[in-house]
Amino acid sequence: MQTAENLVRKQYLIAPQQVEKLQLIAKKQKVSAAEVVRMAIDAFNPDAPAEMNEDELFDLVSARVKEAISETQATRKRLNETLAALGEK
C-alpha cells in the first residue's frame, strides 16, 4: 500500500453499476474502494494477450489481492504498535 504522500488525487466518471460493483468488491476484500481501483490498475497489462484465459486472469487477480491484504496487515500491525507505544507515554 502506498502512503498518502505518494498518491495523486484524480476524478473519473463511472456508471452507477460500476460504483455498486466497486463497493461490493471493496467490502468483500475489506479494503477501500480506492485500493480496489489501484489493484485493478496494477493488475491491468495492456501488453498481455487479449486471449488470457480465465485461470490465468484469476491467478493474477488473486496474487494482487493477496499482496494488498499482506500490505494492509503489515500497516495495521505498525499502526497498533504505534498506538500501543503512544498509550505507554
N, C-alpha and C. Protein backbone atom coordinates (compact mmCIF):
# COMPACT_ATOMS: atom_id res chain seq x y z
N MET A 1 0.85 -1.19 0.00
CA MET A 1 0.00 0.00 0.00
C MET A 1 0.88 1.23 0.00
N GLN A 2 0.46 2.22 -0.71
CA GLN A 2 1.23 3.44 -0.81
C GLN A 2 0.81 4.42 0.28
N THR A 3 1.76 5.29 0.65
CA THR A 3 1.42 6.31 1.63
C THR A 3 0.73 7.47 0.93
N ALA A 4 0.02 8.26 1.68
CA ALA A 4 -0.75 9.37 1.12
C ALA A 4 0.15 10.36 0.37
N GLU A 5 1.40 10.49 0.80
CA GLU A 5 2.31 11.43 0.15
C GLU A 5 2.63 10.99 -1.28
N ASN A 6 2.52 9.69 -1.56
CA ASN A 6 2.86 9.16 -2.88
C ASN A 6 1.66 9.06 -3.81
N LEU A 7 0.51 9.50 -3.38
CA LEU A 7 -0.71 9.36 -4.17
C LEU A 7 -1.11 10.69 -4.79
N VAL A 8 -1.78 10.61 -5.93
CA VAL A 8 -2.27 11.79 -6.63
C VAL A 8 -3.78 11.67 -6.73
N ARG A 9 -4.48 12.73 -6.38
CA ARG A 9 -5.95 12.72 -6.45
C ARG A 9 -6.39 12.94 -7.89
N LYS A 10 -7.26 12.06 -8.38
CA LYS A 10 -7.83 12.16 -9.72
C LYS A 10 -9.33 11.92 -9.61
N GLN A 11 -10.06 12.46 -10.55
CA GLN A 11 -11.51 12.29 -10.55
C GLN A 11 -11.92 11.67 -11.88
N TYR A 12 -12.68 10.57 -11.82
CA TYR A 12 -13.13 9.88 -13.01
C TYR A 12 -14.62 9.62 -12.90
N LEU A 13 -15.31 9.63 -14.03
CA LEU A 13 -16.73 9.33 -14.05
C LEU A 13 -16.93 7.86 -14.36
N ILE A 14 -17.73 7.18 -13.55
CA ILE A 14 -18.06 5.78 -13.79
C ILE A 14 -19.56 5.60 -13.62
N ALA A 15 -20.07 4.54 -14.23
CA ALA A 15 -21.50 4.27 -14.19
C ALA A 15 -21.95 3.84 -12.80
N PRO A 16 -23.22 4.07 -12.46
CA PRO A 16 -23.72 3.66 -11.14
C PRO A 16 -23.51 2.16 -10.86
N GLN A 17 -23.65 1.33 -11.90
CA GLN A 17 -23.44 -0.11 -11.70
C GLN A 17 -21.98 -0.39 -11.34
N GLN A 18 -21.07 0.39 -11.90
CA GLN A 18 -19.67 0.22 -11.58
C GLN A 18 -19.37 0.65 -10.14
N VAL A 19 -20.05 1.69 -9.69
CA VAL A 19 -19.90 2.14 -8.31
C VAL A 19 -20.35 1.03 -7.36
N GLU A 20 -21.50 0.44 -7.65
CA GLU A 20 -22.03 -0.64 -6.82
C GLU A 20 -21.07 -1.82 -6.80
N LYS A 21 -20.56 -2.18 -7.97
CA LYS A 21 -19.63 -3.30 -8.05
C LYS A 21 -18.34 -2.99 -7.28
N LEU A 22 -17.85 -1.79 -7.43
CA LEU A 22 -16.64 -1.37 -6.73
C LEU A 22 -16.83 -1.45 -5.21
N GLN A 23 -17.96 -0.97 -4.73
CA GLN A 23 -18.24 -1.00 -3.30
C GLN A 23 -18.38 -2.44 -2.79
N LEU A 24 -18.99 -3.29 -3.59
CA LEU A 24 -19.15 -4.69 -3.21
C LEU A 24 -17.79 -5.38 -3.12
N ILE A 25 -16.94 -5.16 -4.11
CA ILE A 25 -15.60 -5.76 -4.08
C ILE A 25 -14.81 -5.25 -2.88
N ALA A 26 -14.87 -3.96 -2.65
CA ALA A 26 -14.14 -3.37 -1.52
C ALA A 26 -14.60 -3.95 -0.19
N LYS A 27 -15.90 -4.10 -0.05
CA LYS A 27 -16.45 -4.65 1.19
C LYS A 27 -16.00 -6.10 1.38
N LYS A 28 -16.06 -6.89 0.32
CA LYS A 28 -15.66 -8.30 0.40
C LYS A 28 -14.18 -8.44 0.70
N GLN A 29 -13.36 -7.57 0.13
CA GLN A 29 -11.92 -7.64 0.33
C GLN A 29 -11.45 -6.89 1.58
N LYS A 30 -12.39 -6.17 2.19
CA LYS A 30 -12.10 -5.38 3.40
C LYS A 30 -10.99 -4.35 3.15
N VAL A 31 -11.11 -3.69 2.00
CA VAL A 31 -10.21 -2.60 1.65
C VAL A 31 -11.06 -1.44 1.14
N SER A 32 -10.44 -0.30 0.93
CA SER A 32 -11.19 0.85 0.41
C SER A 32 -11.46 0.67 -1.08
N ALA A 33 -12.44 1.40 -1.56
CA ALA A 33 -12.74 1.38 -2.99
C ALA A 33 -11.53 1.90 -3.77
N ALA A 34 -10.86 2.89 -3.24
CA ALA A 34 -9.67 3.43 -3.90
C ALA A 34 -8.59 2.35 -4.04
N GLU A 35 -8.45 1.52 -3.02
CA GLU A 35 -7.46 0.44 -3.08
C GLU A 35 -7.83 -0.58 -4.15
N VAL A 36 -9.12 -0.86 -4.30
CA VAL A 36 -9.56 -1.78 -5.35
C VAL A 36 -9.21 -1.21 -6.72
N VAL A 37 -9.42 0.09 -6.91
CA VAL A 37 -9.08 0.73 -8.18
C VAL A 37 -7.58 0.64 -8.42
N ARG A 38 -6.77 0.91 -7.39
CA ARG A 38 -5.32 0.82 -7.55
C ARG A 38 -4.90 -0.61 -7.91
N MET A 39 -5.50 -1.61 -7.26
CA MET A 39 -5.18 -3.01 -7.56
C MET A 39 -5.57 -3.36 -8.99
N ALA A 40 -6.71 -2.86 -9.44
CA ALA A 40 -7.16 -3.14 -10.81
C ALA A 40 -6.20 -2.52 -11.82
N ILE A 41 -5.76 -1.31 -11.55
CA ILE A 41 -4.81 -0.65 -12.45
C ILE A 41 -3.50 -1.41 -12.47
N ASP A 42 -3.01 -1.81 -11.30
CA ASP A 42 -1.77 -2.58 -11.23
C ASP A 42 -1.89 -3.92 -11.96
N ALA A 43 -3.06 -4.53 -11.88
CA ALA A 43 -3.27 -5.85 -12.50
C ALA A 43 -3.41 -5.76 -14.01
N PHE A 44 -3.80 -4.60 -14.52
CA PHE A 44 -4.02 -4.45 -15.96
C PHE A 44 -2.70 -4.36 -16.69
N ASN A 45 -2.57 -5.17 -17.73
CA ASN A 45 -1.37 -5.15 -18.55
C ASN A 45 -1.80 -5.03 -20.01
N PRO A 46 -1.67 -3.84 -20.60
CA PRO A 46 -2.13 -3.66 -21.97
C PRO A 46 -1.33 -4.49 -22.98
N ASP A 47 -0.16 -4.96 -22.59
CA ASP A 47 0.66 -5.77 -23.49
C ASP A 47 0.32 -7.25 -23.41
N ALA A 48 -0.51 -7.63 -22.44
CA ALA A 48 -0.88 -9.04 -22.30
C ALA A 48 -1.82 -9.42 -23.43
N PRO A 49 -1.72 -10.64 -23.88
CA PRO A 49 -2.62 -11.06 -24.95
C PRO A 49 -4.08 -10.96 -24.51
N ALA A 50 -4.92 -10.53 -25.42
CA ALA A 50 -6.34 -10.36 -25.11
C ALA A 50 -7.01 -11.70 -24.82
N GLU A 51 -6.37 -12.76 -25.21
CA GLU A 51 -6.94 -14.09 -25.04
C GLU A 51 -6.47 -14.77 -23.75
N MET A 52 -6.15 -13.99 -22.74
CA MET A 52 -5.74 -14.56 -21.47
C MET A 52 -6.89 -15.41 -20.94
N ASN A 53 -6.58 -16.64 -20.57
CA ASN A 53 -7.67 -17.49 -20.13
C ASN A 53 -8.10 -17.15 -18.70
N GLU A 54 -9.24 -17.64 -18.34
CA GLU A 54 -9.85 -17.30 -17.06
C GLU A 54 -8.97 -17.70 -15.88
N ASP A 55 -8.31 -18.86 -15.96
CA ASP A 55 -7.45 -19.31 -14.86
C ASP A 55 -6.26 -18.38 -14.66
N GLU A 56 -5.66 -17.94 -15.76
CA GLU A 56 -4.52 -17.02 -15.67
C GLU A 56 -4.96 -15.69 -15.07
N LEU A 57 -6.09 -15.22 -15.51
CA LEU A 57 -6.61 -13.96 -15.01
C LEU A 57 -6.94 -14.07 -13.52
N PHE A 58 -7.56 -15.18 -13.13
CA PHE A 58 -7.88 -15.40 -11.72
C PHE A 58 -6.61 -15.44 -10.88
N ASP A 59 -5.59 -16.12 -11.37
CA ASP A 59 -4.31 -16.21 -10.63
C ASP A 59 -3.68 -14.83 -10.47
N LEU A 60 -3.74 -14.02 -11.52
CA LEU A 60 -3.18 -12.68 -11.45
C LEU A 60 -3.92 -11.81 -10.44
N VAL A 61 -5.23 -11.82 -10.53
CA VAL A 61 -6.04 -11.01 -9.60
C VAL A 61 -5.86 -11.52 -8.17
N SER A 62 -5.85 -12.82 -8.01
CA SER A 62 -5.67 -13.41 -6.69
C SER A 62 -4.34 -12.99 -6.07
N ALA A 63 -3.28 -13.01 -6.87
CA ALA A 63 -1.97 -12.60 -6.37
C ALA A 63 -1.97 -11.15 -5.95
N ARG A 64 -2.61 -10.30 -6.73
CA ARG A 64 -2.67 -8.87 -6.39
C ARG A 64 -3.47 -8.63 -5.11
N VAL A 65 -4.56 -9.35 -4.95
CA VAL A 65 -5.39 -9.19 -3.75
C VAL A 65 -4.61 -9.68 -2.52
N LYS A 66 -3.93 -10.81 -2.65
CA LYS A 66 -3.13 -11.32 -1.54
C LYS A 66 -2.04 -10.33 -1.16
N GLU A 67 -1.42 -9.72 -2.15
CA GLU A 67 -0.40 -8.71 -1.91
C GLU A 67 -1.00 -7.52 -1.15
N ALA A 68 -2.15 -7.08 -1.57
CA ALA A 68 -2.81 -5.94 -0.91
C ALA A 68 -3.20 -6.29 0.52
N ILE A 69 -3.68 -7.50 0.73
CA ILE A 69 -4.05 -7.93 2.08
C ILE A 69 -2.83 -7.97 2.97
N SER A 70 -1.74 -8.51 2.46
CA SER A 70 -0.50 -8.59 3.23
C SER A 70 0.00 -7.19 3.61
N GLU A 71 -0.04 -6.27 2.66
CA GLU A 71 0.38 -4.90 2.93
C GLU A 71 -0.54 -4.24 3.95
N THR A 72 -1.82 -4.50 3.86
CA THR A 72 -2.78 -3.95 4.81
C THR A 72 -2.52 -4.49 6.21
N GLN A 73 -2.26 -5.78 6.31
CA GLN A 73 -1.97 -6.38 7.61
C GLN A 73 -0.70 -5.80 8.22
N ALA A 74 0.32 -5.60 7.40
CA ALA A 74 1.56 -5.00 7.89
C ALA A 74 1.33 -3.58 8.38
N THR A 75 0.51 -2.85 7.65
CA THR A 75 0.20 -1.47 8.04
C THR A 75 -0.58 -1.46 9.35
N ARG A 76 -1.54 -2.35 9.49
CA ARG A 76 -2.32 -2.43 10.74
C ARG A 76 -1.42 -2.78 11.92
N LYS A 77 -0.46 -3.70 11.69
CA LYS A 77 0.45 -4.08 12.77
C LYS A 77 1.28 -2.88 13.21
N ARG A 78 1.83 -2.14 12.23
CA ARG A 78 2.62 -0.95 12.58
C ARG A 78 1.76 0.08 13.29
N LEU A 79 0.53 0.25 12.85
CA LEU A 79 -0.38 1.20 13.48
C LEU A 79 -0.67 0.80 14.93
N ASN A 80 -0.95 -0.48 15.13
CA ASN A 80 -1.22 -0.96 16.50
C ASN A 80 0.00 -0.79 17.40
N GLU A 81 1.19 -1.06 16.86
CA GLU A 81 2.41 -0.87 17.65
C GLU A 81 2.62 0.59 18.01
N THR A 82 2.35 1.46 17.05
CA THR A 82 2.49 2.90 17.29
C THR A 82 1.49 3.37 18.34
N LEU A 83 0.23 2.91 18.20
CA LEU A 83 -0.80 3.29 19.19
C LEU A 83 -0.46 2.76 20.57
N ALA A 84 0.08 1.55 20.64
CA ALA A 84 0.46 0.97 21.93
C ALA A 84 1.60 1.79 22.55
N ALA A 85 2.56 2.16 21.74
CA ALA A 85 3.68 2.96 22.23
C ALA A 85 3.21 4.33 22.72
N LEU A 86 2.28 4.92 22.00
CA LEU A 86 1.73 6.22 22.43
C LEU A 86 0.94 6.09 23.72
N GLY A 87 0.27 4.94 23.88
CA GLY A 87 -0.51 4.72 25.09
C GLY A 87 0.35 4.55 26.32
N GLU A 88 1.58 4.11 26.14
CA GLU A 88 2.50 3.89 27.25
C GLU A 88 3.10 5.18 27.75
N LYS A 89 3.04 6.22 26.94
CA LYS A 89 3.68 7.50 27.32
C LYS A 89 2.82 8.28 28.24
